[in-house]
Amino acid sequence: MKHYEYFNTLLPQLTANREGPVASPITPSAAFGYASAQEAEAIFAGETPKPVYARMGNPTGGKLEHALARMEGGAGAVVTSSGMGAIAMVLTAFLESGDRVLCVGGFFGGTYGMMKETMPRFGIEATFCDVDDFETIEKALEEGVKAVLVESVGNPNLRLPDIRRIGVLCDRFRALFVVDNTLTPLIQQPLKMGADIVVYSTTKIISGHSAALGGAAVFRGLKEEEKLTDAKFSAIHPILKKGKGALMMVLKKRAMRDFGMSANAFASFLTMVGLETLALRTERVNRSVERVAQLLHDAGVKVRHPSLEHHEHHLRYEALFEDGCGPLLTLDCGTKERAFAFLNETKLLTQTANIGDNRTLGLHMASTIYRDFEEEERRMLGITPGLVRLSVGLETPLALAEDMIGAWGKSSG
């Protein structure tokens, strides 16, 4: 990554103060006083950049929003209580009953469940297709799909989308393009690749320490030839007239104000603590993942990662993901019983549903996150009976590989 040094300088500067308390102050207040009735009116009208009420944002969260927007090259950001909160905020802000969403690629279980079960209860239909099924993508867009949702790297199927190509199609057919970039902060910058909104679970890599639940949506600025002026987005047209900060107003007034998925101050503070070292951790982890994957493969472990030549997207990985694709790799142990034995034999893995931690994490997918899914759904999402998802941390790659190879051998006995 050509810009690691840039981010190593930028991020610590954005989250700290050069005068007074160096660490960002935590503002735990739920309510904020207004100097006058006139100021109150101006704040509610969005003419004065002061907090309205904590459900609509907090000064500590505001500092994190500024840092994330700078990091992503966006016009602004809104932080939320969780990554799912960020996705829910975007969908409920821009979509209405009768709208269609195209979900491209494999999805984290929570996102899939939301799109498959929850959003249809509110009249929003989701269609699913593979990352390489451009015929279906283009046909759906021609038929009036209002938004396209994709993960920068499929979690946990590790299939890689061509974000630029999908972005071009979304622009042509004037559809909102939302990219979940949770696995690849800094590595991929979707706003520069055609996305309109980038969402994160900041709980994961951005924080890195499993101490702060949070999410974020980072959005681009409005353009002269703005696709959101299309008739399908007529409900937000009055807000678009607000200009530069219009998309923040769309997210906050049409979703956060009414659903309350706002971030709390302490979580925002802890997220900034992690953000300061994001570039250092990202560089190390993505080098380590490739090394661990290769060592496991050479030892005969059934490992899956795009850096390995047998992966179906290996060439795309080399062309579009030169700095890696995040901390994940998977093992197929064949059966649930062997997966359990493997996980229980390891000494360095923490078994948890989180990913992107400073520690290496592991979890059997079919018996946990995807346990309530139908067999056909699991198959579509790449969830085999013995699939174990691993999230590589900061430990020495050789030590991780030796631990896993030993556990693999013992689990086959």
Foldseek 3Di string as FASTA:
>chain_A
DVCLVVLLVQQLVLQADPDDGGGDDFDQDQADDAPDPVRLVCVVVVNDPDDHGPLLHDVLQQSLFVSVCVLLVALTKAKFQALVLAVQLVPQLQDAAQAEEEEEAFAQLVVCCCQVPPVVVRRYHYDYDYLPPVVVLLVVLVVPHAEYEYECAHVVVRDHHPLLVSLVSCVVSLHAYEYADAFPRPQDNSVVSRHFKYKYQLCAQLLQANPAGMMMIGGHFADPPGSCVPPSRVVLVVLCVVHGCSVSCSSSVRGSVPPSRHHGRVRSSSSSVSNSCSSVFLQQLQVLQLVLQVLCVVLVFQKDHLCDPVHPCVVVCVVRRVRGRGFKIKGALPALQLLVQLVVQFDQEDEDPGARHQGKYKYQCCVPSVVPPDPVVCVSNVRDRRMMMIGHHNDDSVVRNVRNSVSSVVSVD
